[in-house]
Amino acid sequence: MNLPANLKYSEEHEWVRIEGNKAYIGITDFAQSELGDIVFVELPSVGDEVKQNESFGSVESVKTVSELYAPLTGKVVEVNGELEDSPELVNESPYEKAWMIVVELADEGEVSKLMDAKAYEEMVKE
């Protein structure tokens, strides 16, 4: 399981990369491996507001459809349009090419509620 140490993680298996007051968000390597082959990704639009722990979209695999939950609250400022035509990028490159949305943070304090790589690894082992 690939867990970059520079990222933060949510209990719902999303990862977060903070750059200034923006957060890049995607799903973890563990999540994509559990889902299997991703065939469709539904994401919000630029300008939409997302709230911590609320659904912001979904990922469809050959096995199931899984909701995506926002690890942080804020305004969507960018959406990875590449995933519309190439949802398999989530399986191939969950941390690099398959970021899903970029959110302008409403409350930077929420970041402290996320897990580091070690804590996330412990959670998925249970």
Protein backbone atom coordinates (compact mmCIF):
# COMPACT_ATOMS: atom_id res chain seq x y z
CA MET A 1 0.00 0.00 0.00
CA ASN A 2 1.41 3.33 -1.12
CA LEU A 3 0.95 6.08 1.52
CA PRO A 4 2.94 9.26 0.83
CA ALA A 5 4.08 10.79 4.13
CA ASN A 6 3.47 14.37 2.93
CA LEU A 7 -0.30 13.84 2.65
CA LYS A 8 -3.14 13.85 5.18
CA TYR A 9 -5.84 11.17 5.22
CA SER A 10 -9.52 10.91 6.18
CA GLU A 11 -11.43 8.01 7.71
CA GLU A 12 -13.41 7.85 4.44
CA HIS A 13 -10.19 7.03 2.49
CA GLU A 14 -9.58 10.41 0.88
CA TRP A 15 -6.11 11.98 0.78
CA VAL A 16 -5.34 15.68 1.02
CA ARG A 17 -2.31 17.66 -0.16
CA ILE A 18 -2.21 21.19 1.25
CA GLU A 19 -0.66 23.95 -0.87
CA GLY A 20 -1.12 27.34 0.77
CA ASN A 21 -4.87 27.79 1.37
CA LYS A 22 -5.77 25.14 -1.20
CA ALA A 23 -6.29 21.41 -0.75
CA TYR A 24 -5.89 18.82 -3.52
CA ILE A 25 -8.18 15.87 -2.79
CA GLY A 26 -8.34 12.32 -4.16
CA ILE A 27 -8.88 8.75 -2.96
CA THR A 28 -6.17 6.62 -1.44
CA ASP A 29 -4.31 3.72 -3.01
CA PHE A 30 -6.06 1.46 -0.48
CA ALA A 31 -9.51 2.73 -1.55
CA GLN A 32 -8.90 2.27 -5.27
CA SER A 33 -7.54 -1.26 -4.71
CA GLU A 34 -10.65 -2.18 -2.67
CA LEU A 35 -12.96 -0.76 -5.35
CA GLY A 36 -11.29 -2.50 -8.29
CA ASP A 37 -11.34 -1.13 -11.84
CA ILE A 38 -12.76 2.41 -11.84
CA VAL A 39 -15.11 3.05 -14.78
CA PHE A 40 -16.71 6.43 -13.91
CA VAL A 41 -16.01 9.40 -11.63
CA GLU A 42 -18.70 11.97 -10.76
CA LEU A 43 -17.32 15.24 -9.40
CA PRO A 44 -18.77 18.63 -8.41
CA SER A 45 -18.43 21.76 -10.54
CA VAL A 46 -16.04 24.65 -10.03
CA GLY A 47 -17.72 27.10 -7.68
CA ASP A 48 -19.58 24.43 -5.69
CA GLU A 49 -19.18 24.42 -1.91
CA VAL A 50 -18.18 21.20 -0.15
CA LYS A 51 -18.57 20.54 3.57
CA GLN A 52 -16.32 18.35 5.70
CA ASN A 53 -17.63 14.76 5.94
CA GLU A 54 -20.40 15.35 3.37
CA SER A 55 -20.61 13.69 -0.04
CA PHE A 56 -19.15 15.62 -2.98
CA GLY A 57 -19.37 12.98 -5.71
CA SER A 58 -18.95 9.30 -6.42
CA VAL A 59 -16.66 6.72 -7.95
CA GLU A 60 -18.08 3.80 -9.90
CA SER A 61 -16.12 0.60 -10.32
CA VAL A 62 -17.01 -2.70 -11.95
CA LYS A 63 -17.96 -3.91 -8.43
CA THR A 64 -19.84 -0.99 -6.85
CA VAL A 65 -20.55 2.74 -6.59
CA SER A 66 -18.88 4.51 -3.69
CA GLU A 67 -19.59 8.00 -2.37
CA LEU A 68 -16.75 10.51 -2.04
CA TYR A 69 -16.67 12.49 1.21
CA ALA A 70 -15.05 15.89 1.57
CA PRO A 71 -12.23 15.77 4.11
CA LEU A 72 -12.36 19.59 4.39
CA THR A 73 -14.85 22.44 3.94
CA GLY A 74 -14.41 24.97 1.15
CA LYS A 75 -15.11 26.13 -2.37
CA VAL A 76 -14.18 23.97 -5.37
CA VAL A 77 -11.72 25.99 -7.47
CA GLU A 78 -10.56 23.25 -9.82
CA VAL A 79 -11.83 19.86 -11.03
CA ASN A 80 -9.69 17.20 -12.70
CA GLY A 81 -11.48 16.96 -16.06
CA GLU A 82 -9.07 14.25 -17.21
CA LEU A 83 -10.92 11.74 -15.02
CA GLU A 84 -14.08 12.15 -17.12
CA ASP A 85 -12.38 10.54 -20.15
CA SER A 86 -9.84 8.44 -18.22
CA PRO A 87 -11.34 7.23 -14.91
CA GLU A 88 -8.74 4.42 -14.87
CA LEU A 89 -6.17 7.02 -13.77
CA VAL A 90 -7.60 6.56 -10.25
CA ASN A 91 -6.28 2.98 -10.34
CA GLU A 92 -3.02 3.81 -12.11
CA SER A 93 -1.96 6.97 -10.28
CA PRO A 94 -4.17 7.76 -7.26
CA TYR A 95 -1.81 10.40 -5.80
CA GLU A 96 -0.36 12.09 -8.87
CA LYS A 97 -2.61 12.13 -11.95
CA ALA A 98 -5.91 11.27 -10.25
CA TRP A 99 -6.40 14.17 -7.85
CA MET A 100 -10.12 14.87 -8.08
CA ILE A 101 -10.80 18.40 -6.86
CA VAL A 102 -8.97 21.43 -5.49
CA VAL A 103 -10.74 23.21 -2.64
CA GLU A 104 -10.06 26.69 -1.31
CA LEU A 105 -10.13 26.11 2.44
CA ALA A 106 -12.84 27.74 4.53
CA ASP A 107 -11.34 26.60 7.85
CA GLU A 108 -7.66 25.64 7.93
CA GLY A 109 -8.19 24.27 11.45
CA GLU A 110 -10.00 21.27 9.96
CA VAL A 111 -6.67 19.99 8.59
CA SER A 112 -5.58 19.07 12.13
CA LYS A 113 -8.49 16.59 12.33
CA LEU A 114 -7.03 14.49 9.48
CA MET A 115 -4.65 11.56 9.97
CA ASP A 116 -1.02 11.29 9.00
CA ALA A 117 0.15 8.30 6.93
CA LYS A 118 1.04 6.21 9.99
CA ALA A 119 -2.36 6.72 11.65
CA TYR A 120 -4.19 5.96 8.38
CA GLU A 121 -2.15 2.78 7.89
CA GLU A 122 -3.06 1.65 11.42
CA MET A 123 -6.76 2.34 10.71
CA VAL A 124 -6.90 0.25 7.53
CA LYS A 125 -5.08 -2.66 9.21
CA GLU A 126 -7.89 -2.99 11.79
